[in-house]
Amino acid sequence: YTVNDTSKVVCGNVPTANATVHIVDTVLMPKA
């Protein structure tokens, strides 16, 4: 699974105390 055609999801659906985390292999930056 990829995000924005550049970042790959390394590990998804990691449960935490108050959220579900998806770990990606690059930093996601908002468009300016």
PDB file of N, CA and C in Angstrom:
ATOM      1  N   TYR A   1       0.839  -1.176   0.000  1.00  0.00           N
ATOM      2  CA  TYR A   1       0.000   0.000   0.000  1.00  0.00           C
ATOM      3  C   TYR A   1       0.875   1.228   0.000  1.00  0.00           C
ATOM      4  N   THR A   2       0.555   2.226  -0.839  1.00  0.00           N
ATOM      5  CA  THR A   2       1.336   3.459  -0.893  1.00  0.00           C
ATOM      6  C   THR A   2       0.463   4.659  -0.576  1.00  0.00           C
ATOM      7  N   VAL A   3       1.120   5.724  -0.143  1.00  0.00           N
ATOM      8  CA  VAL A   3       0.461   6.990   0.161  1.00  0.00           C
ATOM      9  C   VAL A   3       1.065   8.047  -0.748  1.00  0.00           C
ATOM     10  N   ASN A   4       0.247   8.791  -1.468  1.00  0.00           N
ATOM     11  CA  ASN A   4       0.708   9.848  -2.376  1.00  0.00           C
ATOM     12  C   ASN A   4       1.669   9.324  -3.440  1.00  0.00           C
ATOM     13  N   ASP A   5       1.575   8.072  -3.793  1.00  0.00           N
ATOM     14  CA  ASP A   5       2.415   7.426  -4.809  1.00  0.00           C
ATOM     15  C   ASP A   5       3.903   7.456  -4.494  1.00  0.00           C
ATOM     16  N   THR A   6       4.293   7.843  -3.276  1.00  0.00           N
ATOM     17  CA  THR A   6       5.713   7.897  -2.938  1.00  0.00           C
ATOM     18  C   THR A   6       6.053   7.148  -1.661  1.00  0.00           C
ATOM     19  N   SER A   7       5.215   7.216  -0.659  1.00  0.00           N
ATOM     20  CA  SER A   7       5.503   6.599   0.635  1.00  0.00           C
ATOM     21  C   SER A   7       4.850   5.232   0.732  1.00  0.00           C
ATOM     22  N   LYS A   8       5.615   4.261   1.165  1.00  0.00           N
ATOM     23  CA  LYS A   8       5.073   2.918   1.360  1.00  0.00           C
ATOM     24  C   LYS A   8       4.748   2.705   2.830  1.00  0.00           C
ATOM     25  N   VAL A   9       3.617   2.074   3.094  1.00  0.00           N
ATOM     26  CA  VAL A   9       3.247   1.737   4.464  1.00  0.00           C
ATOM     27  C   VAL A   9       4.070   0.523   4.881  1.00  0.00           C
ATOM     28  N   VAL A  10       4.896   0.703   5.903  1.00  0.00           N
ATOM     29  CA  VAL A  10       5.769  -0.360   6.384  1.00  0.00           C
ATOM     30  C   VAL A  10       5.009  -1.276   7.332  1.00  0.00           C
ATOM     31  N   CYS A  11       4.238  -0.686   8.224  1.00  0.00           N
ATOM     32  CA  CYS A  11       3.493  -1.447   9.217  1.00  0.00           C
ATOM     33  C   CYS A  11       2.184  -0.716   9.480  1.00  0.00           C
ATOM     34  N   GLY A  12       1.071  -1.390   9.309  1.00  0.00           N
ATOM     35  CA  GLY A  12      -0.217  -0.741   9.484  1.00  0.00           C
ATOM     36  C   GLY A  12      -1.010  -1.306  10.635  1.00  0.00           C
ATOM     37  N   ASN A  13      -2.003  -0.531  11.063  1.00  0.00           N
ATOM     38  CA  ASN A  13      -2.929  -0.940  12.127  1.00  0.00           C
ATOM     39  C   ASN A  13      -2.233  -1.291  13.432  1.00  0.00           C
ATOM     40  N   VAL A  14      -1.309  -0.434  13.860  1.00  0.00           N
ATOM     41  CA  VAL A  14      -0.635  -0.628  15.142  1.00  0.00           C
ATOM     42  C   VAL A  14      -1.489   0.042  16.218  1.00  0.00           C
ATOM     43  N   PRO A  15      -2.080  -0.729  17.122  1.00  0.00           N
ATOM     44  CA  PRO A  15      -2.941  -0.122  18.144  1.00  0.00           C
ATOM     45  C   PRO A  15      -2.125   0.579  19.229  1.00  0.00           C
ATOM     46  N   THR A  16      -2.599   1.762  19.633  1.00  0.00           N
ATOM     47  CA  THR A  16      -2.014   2.491  20.757  1.00  0.00           C
ATOM     48  C   THR A  16      -3.133   2.801  21.744  1.00  0.00           C
ATOM     49  N   ALA A  17      -2.838   3.574  22.757  1.00  0.00           N
ATOM     50  CA  ALA A  17      -3.829   3.867  23.792  1.00  0.00           C
ATOM     51  C   ALA A  17      -5.031   4.628  23.247  1.00  0.00           C
ATOM     52  N   ASN A  18      -4.803   5.553  22.295  1.00  0.00           N
ATOM     53  CA  ASN A  18      -5.915   6.369  21.821  1.00  0.00           C
ATOM     54  C   ASN A  18      -5.958   6.544  20.307  1.00  0.00           C
ATOM     55  N   ALA A  19      -5.254   5.705  19.559  1.00  0.00           N
ATOM     56  CA  ALA A  19      -5.247   5.838  18.099  1.00  0.00           C
ATOM     57  C   ALA A  19      -4.761   4.542  17.462  1.00  0.00           C
ATOM     58  N   THR A  20      -4.897   4.476  16.146  1.00  0.00           N
ATOM     59  CA  THR A  20      -4.316   3.396  15.359  1.00  0.00           C
ATOM     60  C   THR A  20      -3.263   4.020  14.456  1.00  0.00           C
ATOM     61  N   VAL A  21      -2.046   3.503  14.494  1.00  0.00           N
ATOM     62  CA  VAL A  21      -0.914   4.108  13.805  1.00  0.00           C
ATOM     63  C   VAL A  21      -0.558   3.292  12.570  1.00  0.00           C
ATOM     64  N   HIS A  22      -0.205   4.004  11.483  1.00  0.00           N
ATOM     65  CA  HIS A  22       0.312   3.389  10.263  1.00  0.00           C
ATOM     66  C   HIS A  22       1.704   3.974  10.041  1.00  0.00           C
ATOM     67  N   ILE A  23       2.724   3.135   9.997  1.00  0.00           N
ATOM     68  CA  ILE A  23       4.109   3.588   9.865  1.00  0.00           C
ATOM     69  C   ILE A  23       4.496   3.581   8.394  1.00  0.00           C
ATOM     70  N   VAL A  24       5.029   4.724   7.904  1.00  0.00           N
ATOM     71  CA  VAL A  24       5.445   4.851   6.508  1.00  0.00           C
ATOM     72  C   VAL A  24       6.955   5.037   6.440  1.00  0.00           C
ATOM     73  N   ASP A  25       7.528   4.798   5.248  1.00  0.00           N
ATOM     74  CA  ASP A  25       8.984   4.829   5.111  1.00  0.00           C
ATOM     75  C   ASP A  25       9.554   6.180   4.710  1.00  0.00           C
ATOM     76  N   THR A  26       8.731   7.197   4.507  1.00  0.00           N
ATOM     77  CA  THR A  26       9.210   8.545   4.206  1.00  0.00           C
ATOM     78  C   THR A  26       8.387   9.559   4.986  1.00  0.00           C
ATOM     79  N   VAL A  27       8.896  10.769   5.082  1.00  0.00           N
ATOM     80  CA  VAL A  27       8.185  11.836   5.780  1.00  0.00           C
ATOM     81  C   VAL A  27       7.149  12.428   4.835  1.00  0.00           C
ATOM     82  N   LEU A  28       5.909  12.551   5.307  1.00  0.00           N
ATOM     83  CA  LEU A  28       4.846  13.154   4.505  1.00  0.00           C
ATOM     84  C   LEU A  28       4.815  14.653   4.764  1.00  0.00           C
ATOM     85  N   MET A  29       4.898  15.439   3.701  1.00  0.00           N
ATOM     86  CA  MET A  29       4.878  16.896   3.817  1.00  0.00           C
ATOM     87  C   MET A  29       3.636  17.437   3.118  1.00  0.00           C
ATOM     88  N   PRO A  30       2.945  18.414   3.724  1.00  0.00           N
ATOM     89  CA  PRO A  30       1.788  19.016   3.064  1.00  0.00           C
ATOM     90  C   PRO A  30       2.230  19.881   1.890  1.00  0.00           C
ATOM     91  N   LYS A  31       1.346  19.994   0.903  1.00  0.00           N
ATOM     92  CA  LYS A  31       1.659  20.853  -0.240  1.00  0.00           C
ATOM     93  C   LYS A  31       1.612  22.310   0.196  1.00  0.00           C
ATOM     94  N   ALA A  32       2.537  23.110  -0.326  1.00  0.00           N
ATOM     95  CA  ALA A  32       2.631  24.523   0.070  1.00  0.00           C
ATOM     96  C   ALA A  32       1.554  25.363  -0.563  1.00  0.00           C
TER      97      ALA A  32
END
